[in-house]
Each structure stands twice: as C-alpha cells, then as structure tokens.
Amino acid sequence: MTRVKRGLMTRKRHKKMIKATKGYRMLNSKVFSRAKNAWMKAGLNSYIGRKQKKRNFRRLWTTRINNAARAEGMSYSKLIHAMYLKKVSLNRKVLSNMAISHPKVFSNVVKHVKN
C-alpha cells in the first residue's frame, strides 16, 4: 500500500478558516486554532443576536405605542386590552408604524377602541 500524505487537505481547511476570520483582531485571524475558536464564538454570538433583535424591536414598538396612546389619554396595557375586547387585530409593529407615520389614523383607532 502506498503512503498518503495529508498536508494538502489540512492546508486547504486551515486556509478556509483563516479566510473566514479575516478582519478579526490579533491572532484570531492568523493562527488556525485561535481562528477556529473565534469563528465558533462569533457564530454563537450572531445566533444570540438574531434572537435579541426580535426582543429589542418588540420593546421599541411597545414604547412607541405607549407614548402615542398616552398622548390620547390611554395607557399601553389598557389600549391592548380594549383592542382585544373589540376584536381589533392589529399587531404591535403595525400599530407603532401607524403611531409614527399616521397619527390621525392611530387616534381614530384609539377612539374606536375607547367607546
């Protein structure tokens, strides 16, 4: 059986990882073992960040709706509860955009829900 030297595939794998970590700080973009760890950590952080982005946007929408609703004389929780009772099915994203872009329409929704 002939001897197989495995340097080629290892070098390709290492270069691929080094290329993926280009722009990372210090040895994290130069040394394979450090680069691999940094790449794994970056992937984990990006996964966590994608989940946090959804939370942060929902918090932003809630804050916007609350501010607009208080200007109309209602709190956020009372507005959402009244919308539930009146079966007005507008989600928080639409409500927040409406409160910013079309305040008259938002005030009409609040008046409809109040009665």
N, C-alpha and C. Protein backbone atom coordinates (compact mmCIF):
# COMPACT_ATOMS: atom_id res chain seq x y z
N MET A 1 0.84 -1.17 0.00
CA MET A 1 0.00 0.00 0.00
C MET A 1 0.89 1.25 0.00
N THR A 2 0.48 2.22 -0.78
CA THR A 2 1.30 3.42 -0.90
C THR A 2 1.01 4.40 0.24
N ARG A 3 1.99 5.22 0.49
CA ARG A 3 1.88 6.19 1.57
C ARG A 3 1.06 7.39 1.10
N VAL A 4 0.16 7.90 1.97
CA VAL A 4 -0.66 9.06 1.64
C VAL A 4 -0.26 10.21 2.56
N LYS A 5 0.15 11.30 1.95
CA LYS A 5 0.50 12.50 2.73
C LYS A 5 -0.73 13.41 2.75
N ARG A 6 -1.11 13.87 3.93
CA ARG A 6 -2.39 14.55 4.08
C ARG A 6 -2.27 16.06 4.25
N GLY A 7 -1.13 16.62 3.90
CA GLY A 7 -0.92 18.04 4.12
C GLY A 7 -1.80 18.94 3.28
N LEU A 8 -2.14 18.51 2.07
CA LEU A 8 -2.89 19.35 1.15
C LEU A 8 -4.28 19.69 1.69
N MET A 9 -5.04 18.69 2.12
CA MET A 9 -6.40 18.93 2.61
C MET A 9 -6.39 19.72 3.92
N THR A 10 -5.39 19.43 4.75
CA THR A 10 -5.30 20.16 6.02
C THR A 10 -5.04 21.63 5.74
N ARG A 11 -4.12 21.90 4.81
CA ARG A 11 -3.81 23.29 4.47
C ARG A 11 -5.03 23.98 3.89
N LYS A 12 -5.78 23.29 3.03
CA LYS A 12 -7.00 23.87 2.45
C LYS A 12 -8.01 24.22 3.54
N ARG A 13 -8.18 23.30 4.49
CA ARG A 13 -9.14 23.52 5.58
C ARG A 13 -8.70 24.70 6.45
N HIS A 14 -7.40 24.75 6.74
CA HIS A 14 -6.88 25.83 7.56
C HIS A 14 -7.02 27.19 6.85
N LYS A 15 -6.69 27.21 5.56
CA LYS A 15 -6.79 28.46 4.81
C LYS A 15 -8.23 28.94 4.72
N LYS A 16 -9.15 27.99 4.60
CA LYS A 16 -10.57 28.33 4.55
C LYS A 16 -11.01 29.00 5.85
N MET A 17 -10.54 28.47 6.98
CA MET A 17 -10.90 29.03 8.28
C MET A 17 -10.25 30.40 8.47
N ILE A 18 -9.00 30.54 8.07
CA ILE A 18 -8.29 31.82 8.18
C ILE A 18 -8.99 32.88 7.32
N LYS A 19 -9.46 32.48 6.14
CA LYS A 19 -10.18 33.41 5.26
C LYS A 19 -11.51 33.82 5.90
N ALA A 20 -12.17 32.90 6.56
CA ALA A 20 -13.45 33.20 7.20
C ALA A 20 -13.29 34.18 8.36
N THR A 21 -12.13 34.16 9.01
CA THR A 21 -11.91 35.02 10.16
C THR A 21 -11.10 36.27 9.81
N LYS A 22 -11.04 36.60 8.54
CA LYS A 22 -10.31 37.78 8.11
C LYS A 22 -10.93 39.03 8.74
N GLY A 23 -10.10 39.87 9.32
CA GLY A 23 -10.60 41.08 9.96
C GLY A 23 -10.76 40.95 11.46
N TYR A 24 -10.63 39.75 12.00
CA TYR A 24 -10.70 39.57 13.44
C TYR A 24 -9.42 40.13 14.06
N ARG A 25 -9.46 40.42 15.34
CA ARG A 25 -8.34 41.09 15.99
C ARG A 25 -7.25 40.11 16.41
N MET A 26 -6.03 40.63 16.41
CA MET A 26 -4.83 39.95 16.90
C MET A 26 -4.65 38.57 16.25
N LEU A 27 -4.37 37.55 17.04
CA LEU A 27 -4.07 36.23 16.47
C LEU A 27 -5.32 35.49 16.03
N ASN A 28 -6.50 36.02 16.32
CA ASN A 28 -7.73 35.34 15.94
C ASN A 28 -7.92 35.26 14.43
N SER A 29 -7.16 36.04 13.68
CA SER A 29 -7.25 35.94 12.23
C SER A 29 -6.00 35.34 11.61
N LYS A 30 -5.05 34.93 12.44
CA LYS A 30 -3.77 34.44 11.91
C LYS A 30 -3.50 32.97 12.25
N VAL A 31 -3.76 32.56 13.47
CA VAL A 31 -3.44 31.22 13.95
C VAL A 31 -4.69 30.35 13.85
N PHE A 32 -4.56 29.17 13.27
CA PHE A 32 -5.72 28.33 12.99
C PHE A 32 -6.54 28.01 14.24
N SER A 33 -5.86 27.56 15.31
CA SER A 33 -6.61 27.14 16.50
C SER A 33 -7.37 28.32 17.11
N ARG A 34 -6.74 29.49 17.15
CA ARG A 34 -7.41 30.68 17.67
C ARG A 34 -8.53 31.13 16.73
N ALA A 35 -8.26 31.01 15.42
CA ALA A 35 -9.26 31.42 14.44
C ALA A 35 -10.50 30.53 14.52
N LYS A 36 -10.27 29.24 14.71
CA LYS A 36 -11.40 28.32 14.80
C LYS A 36 -12.27 28.65 16.01
N ASN A 37 -11.63 28.89 17.16
CA ASN A 37 -12.38 29.25 18.36
C ASN A 37 -13.12 30.57 18.18
N ALA A 38 -12.46 31.55 17.57
CA ALA A 38 -13.09 32.85 17.37
C ALA A 38 -14.28 32.74 16.42
N TRP A 39 -14.14 31.91 15.38
CA TRP A 39 -15.22 31.72 14.42
C TRP A 39 -16.43 31.05 15.07
N MET A 40 -16.16 30.06 15.93
CA MET A 40 -17.25 29.39 16.65
C MET A 40 -17.96 30.37 17.57
N LYS A 41 -17.19 31.17 18.30
CA LYS A 41 -17.76 32.14 19.23
C LYS A 41 -18.57 33.19 18.47
N ALA A 42 -18.06 33.62 17.32
CA ALA A 42 -18.77 34.61 16.51
C ALA A 42 -20.10 34.05 16.02
N GLY A 43 -20.09 32.78 15.64
CA GLY A 43 -21.33 32.16 15.20
C GLY A 43 -22.36 32.07 16.31
N LEU A 44 -21.89 31.75 17.51
CA LEU A 44 -22.78 31.69 18.66
C LEU A 44 -23.35 33.06 18.98
N ASN A 45 -22.48 34.08 18.96
CA ASN A 45 -22.94 35.43 19.25
C ASN A 45 -23.92 35.95 18.21
N SER A 46 -23.71 35.59 16.95
CA SER A 46 -24.64 36.05 15.91
C SER A 46 -25.99 35.36 16.07
N TYR A 47 -25.98 34.10 16.49
CA TYR A 47 -27.24 33.39 16.75
C TYR A 47 -28.01 34.06 17.88
N ILE A 48 -27.29 34.38 18.96
CA ILE A 48 -27.91 35.05 20.10
C ILE A 48 -28.43 36.42 19.68
N GLY A 49 -27.64 37.12 18.86
CA GLY A 49 -28.03 38.45 18.40
C GLY A 49 -29.29 38.45 17.57
N ARG A 50 -29.46 37.41 16.76
CA ARG A 50 -30.69 37.33 15.95
C ARG A 50 -31.91 37.18 16.83
N LYS A 51 -31.77 36.45 17.94
CA LYS A 51 -32.90 36.30 18.87
C LYS A 51 -33.16 37.61 19.62
N GLN A 52 -32.07 38.30 20.03
CA GLN A 52 -32.22 39.54 20.79
C GLN A 52 -32.82 40.65 19.94
N LYS A 53 -32.54 40.62 18.65
CA LYS A 53 -33.07 41.66 17.76
C LYS A 53 -34.59 41.66 17.78
N LYS A 54 -35.18 40.48 17.79
CA LYS A 54 -36.64 40.37 17.83
C LYS A 54 -37.20 40.96 19.12
N ARG A 55 -36.52 40.65 20.25
CA ARG A 55 -36.95 41.19 21.55
C ARG A 55 -36.85 42.71 21.56
N ASN A 56 -35.73 43.22 21.05
CA ASN A 56 -35.50 44.66 21.08
C ASN A 56 -36.51 45.42 20.24
N PHE A 57 -36.85 44.85 19.08
CA PHE A 57 -37.84 45.51 18.24
C PHE A 57 -39.21 45.51 18.90
N ARG A 58 -39.58 44.40 19.54
CA ARG A 58 -40.87 44.38 20.23
C ARG A 58 -40.90 45.41 21.35
N ARG A 59 -39.80 45.57 22.09
CA ARG A 59 -39.72 46.60 23.14
C ARG A 59 -39.87 48.00 22.55
N LEU A 60 -39.24 48.22 21.39
CA LEU A 60 -39.32 49.53 20.73
C LEU A 60 -40.75 49.82 20.31
N TRP A 61 -41.41 48.82 19.71
CA TRP A 61 -42.80 49.01 19.29
C TRP A 61 -43.70 49.30 20.48
N THR A 62 -43.49 48.58 21.57
CA THR A 62 -44.29 48.79 22.77
C THR A 62 -44.10 50.20 23.30
N THR A 63 -42.88 50.68 23.32
CA THR A 63 -42.60 52.03 23.81
C THR A 63 -43.26 53.08 22.93
N ARG A 64 -43.18 52.89 21.62
CA ARG A 64 -43.80 53.84 20.69
C ARG A 64 -45.32 53.87 20.86
N ILE A 65 -45.91 52.70 20.97
CA ILE A 65 -47.37 52.63 21.14
C ILE A 65 -47.78 53.28 22.46
N ASN A 66 -47.02 53.02 23.51
CA ASN A 66 -47.31 53.57 24.82
C ASN A 66 -47.28 55.09 24.78
N ASN A 67 -46.24 55.66 24.16
CA ASN A 67 -46.14 57.11 24.08
C ASN A 67 -47.30 57.71 23.30
N ALA A 68 -47.64 57.09 22.18
CA ALA A 68 -48.74 57.60 21.36
C ALA A 68 -50.08 57.43 22.07
N ALA A 69 -50.25 56.32 22.77
CA ALA A 69 -51.52 56.07 23.47
C ALA A 69 -51.69 57.03 24.64
N ARG A 70 -50.61 57.32 25.37
CA ARG A 70 -50.69 58.26 26.49
C ARG A 70 -51.04 59.66 26.01
N ALA A 71 -50.61 60.02 24.80
CA ALA A 71 -50.99 61.31 24.22
C ALA A 71 -52.49 61.35 23.96
N GLU A 72 -53.09 60.18 23.75
CA GLU A 72 -54.54 60.09 23.53
C GLU A 72 -55.30 59.85 24.84
N GLY A 73 -54.60 59.76 25.96
CA GLY A 73 -55.24 59.59 27.25
C GLY A 73 -55.49 58.15 27.66
N MET A 74 -54.66 57.25 27.18
CA MET A 74 -54.81 55.83 27.49
C MET A 74 -53.43 55.23 27.69
N SER A 75 -53.33 54.25 28.56
CA SER A 75 -52.04 53.58 28.73
C SER A 75 -51.94 52.42 27.72
N TYR A 76 -50.73 51.91 27.56
CA TYR A 76 -50.49 50.84 26.60
C TYR A 76 -51.29 49.59 26.94
N SER A 77 -51.25 49.19 28.21
CA SER A 77 -51.91 47.94 28.59
C SER A 77 -53.43 48.04 28.42
N LYS A 78 -53.98 49.19 28.76
CA LYS A 78 -55.44 49.38 28.59
C LYS A 78 -55.82 49.40 27.12
N LEU A 79 -54.96 49.99 26.30
CA LEU A 79 -55.23 50.02 24.86
C LEU A 79 -55.23 48.62 24.27
N ILE A 80 -54.22 47.83 24.61
CA ILE A 80 -54.12 46.46 24.08
C ILE A 80 -55.31 45.62 24.56
N HIS A 81 -55.67 45.79 25.83
CA HIS A 81 -56.81 45.04 26.37
C HIS A 81 -58.11 45.44 25.68
N ALA A 82 -58.30 46.73 25.47
CA ALA A 82 -59.51 47.21 24.79
C ALA A 82 -59.54 46.73 23.34
N MET A 83 -58.38 46.68 22.69
CA MET A 83 -58.34 46.17 21.32
C MET A 83 -58.71 44.69 21.28
N TYR A 84 -58.27 43.96 22.28
CA TYR A 84 -58.61 42.54 22.37
C TYR A 84 -60.12 42.36 22.55
N LEU A 85 -60.71 43.17 23.40
CA LEU A 85 -62.15 43.06 23.65
C LEU A 85 -62.97 43.45 22.41
N LYS A 86 -62.50 44.47 21.68
CA LYS A 86 -63.21 44.92 20.47
C LYS A 86 -62.85 44.08 19.24
N LYS A 87 -61.94 43.11 19.42
CA LYS A 87 -61.50 42.24 18.33
C LYS A 87 -60.85 43.01 17.18
N VAL A 88 -60.05 44.02 17.55
CA VAL A 88 -59.25 44.75 16.56
C VAL A 88 -57.91 44.03 16.49
N SER A 89 -57.62 43.41 15.37
CA SER A 89 -56.42 42.58 15.27
C SER A 89 -55.32 43.30 14.47
N LEU A 90 -54.73 44.30 15.11
CA LEU A 90 -53.55 44.96 14.55
C LEU A 90 -52.37 44.59 15.44
N ASN A 91 -51.30 44.12 14.82
CA ASN A 91 -50.16 43.75 15.65
C ASN A 91 -49.36 44.98 16.08
N ARG A 92 -48.40 44.78 16.95
CA ARG A 92 -47.67 45.89 17.55
C ARG A 92 -46.80 46.62 16.55
N LYS A 93 -46.27 45.90 15.58
CA LYS A 93 -45.44 46.53 14.55
C LYS A 93 -46.27 47.52 13.74
N VAL A 94 -47.45 47.10 13.32
CA VAL A 94 -48.33 47.96 12.52
C VAL A 94 -48.78 49.15 13.37
N LEU A 95 -49.14 48.89 14.62
CA LEU A 95 -49.58 49.98 15.50
C LEU A 95 -48.49 51.02 15.70
N SER A 96 -47.26 50.58 15.91
CA SER A 96 -46.18 51.54 16.14
C SER A 96 -45.89 52.35 14.89
N ASN A 97 -45.90 51.70 13.72
CA ASN A 97 -45.71 52.45 12.48
C ASN A 97 -46.84 53.44 12.25
N MET A 98 -48.05 53.03 12.59
CA MET A 98 -49.21 53.90 12.46
C MET A 98 -49.09 55.10 13.40
N ALA A 99 -48.62 54.87 14.61
CA ALA A 99 -48.48 55.94 15.59
C ALA A 99 -47.47 56.98 15.13
N ILE A 100 -46.44 56.55 14.40
CA ILE A 100 -45.41 57.49 13.93
C ILE A 100 -45.79 58.12 12.59
N SER A 101 -46.18 57.28 11.63
CA SER A 101 -46.42 57.77 10.27
C SER A 101 -47.80 58.42 10.10
N HIS A 102 -48.80 57.84 10.73
CA HIS A 102 -50.18 58.32 10.55
C HIS A 102 -50.86 58.52 11.91
N PRO A 103 -50.50 59.60 12.63
CA PRO A 103 -51.05 59.78 13.98
C PRO A 103 -52.57 59.96 14.01
N LYS A 104 -53.14 60.51 12.94
CA LYS A 104 -54.60 60.70 12.91
C LYS A 104 -55.31 59.35 12.84
N VAL A 105 -54.79 58.46 12.05
CA VAL A 105 -55.38 57.13 11.94
C VAL A 105 -55.25 56.40 13.28
N PHE A 106 -54.09 56.55 13.92
CA PHE A 106 -53.89 55.92 15.22
C PHE A 106 -54.88 56.47 16.25
N SER A 107 -55.11 57.79 16.24
CA SER A 107 -56.07 58.36 17.19
C SER A 107 -57.49 57.88 16.89
N ASN A 108 -57.80 57.64 15.61
CA ASN A 108 -59.11 57.08 15.26
C ASN A 108 -59.26 55.66 15.81
N VAL A 109 -58.20 54.88 15.74
CA VAL A 109 -58.22 53.52 16.29
C VAL A 109 -58.44 53.58 17.80
N VAL A 110 -57.74 54.49 18.47
CA VAL A 110 -57.89 54.62 19.92
C VAL A 110 -59.30 55.05 20.28
N LYS A 111 -59.88 56.00 19.52
CA LYS A 111 -61.25 56.45 19.80
C LYS A 111 -62.24 55.30 19.59
N HIS A 112 -62.03 54.51 18.51
CA HIS A 112 -62.92 53.38 18.24
C HIS A 112 -62.85 52.36 19.39
N VAL A 113 -61.67 52.16 19.90
CA VAL A 113 -61.48 51.17 20.96
C VAL A 113 -62.02 51.67 22.29
N LYS A 114 -61.91 52.98 22.54
CA LYS A 114 -62.38 53.56 23.80
C LYS A 114 -63.88 53.40 23.99
N ASN A 115 -64.63 53.59 22.91
CA ASN A 115 -66.11 53.56 23.01
C ASN A 115 -66.65 52.17 23.26
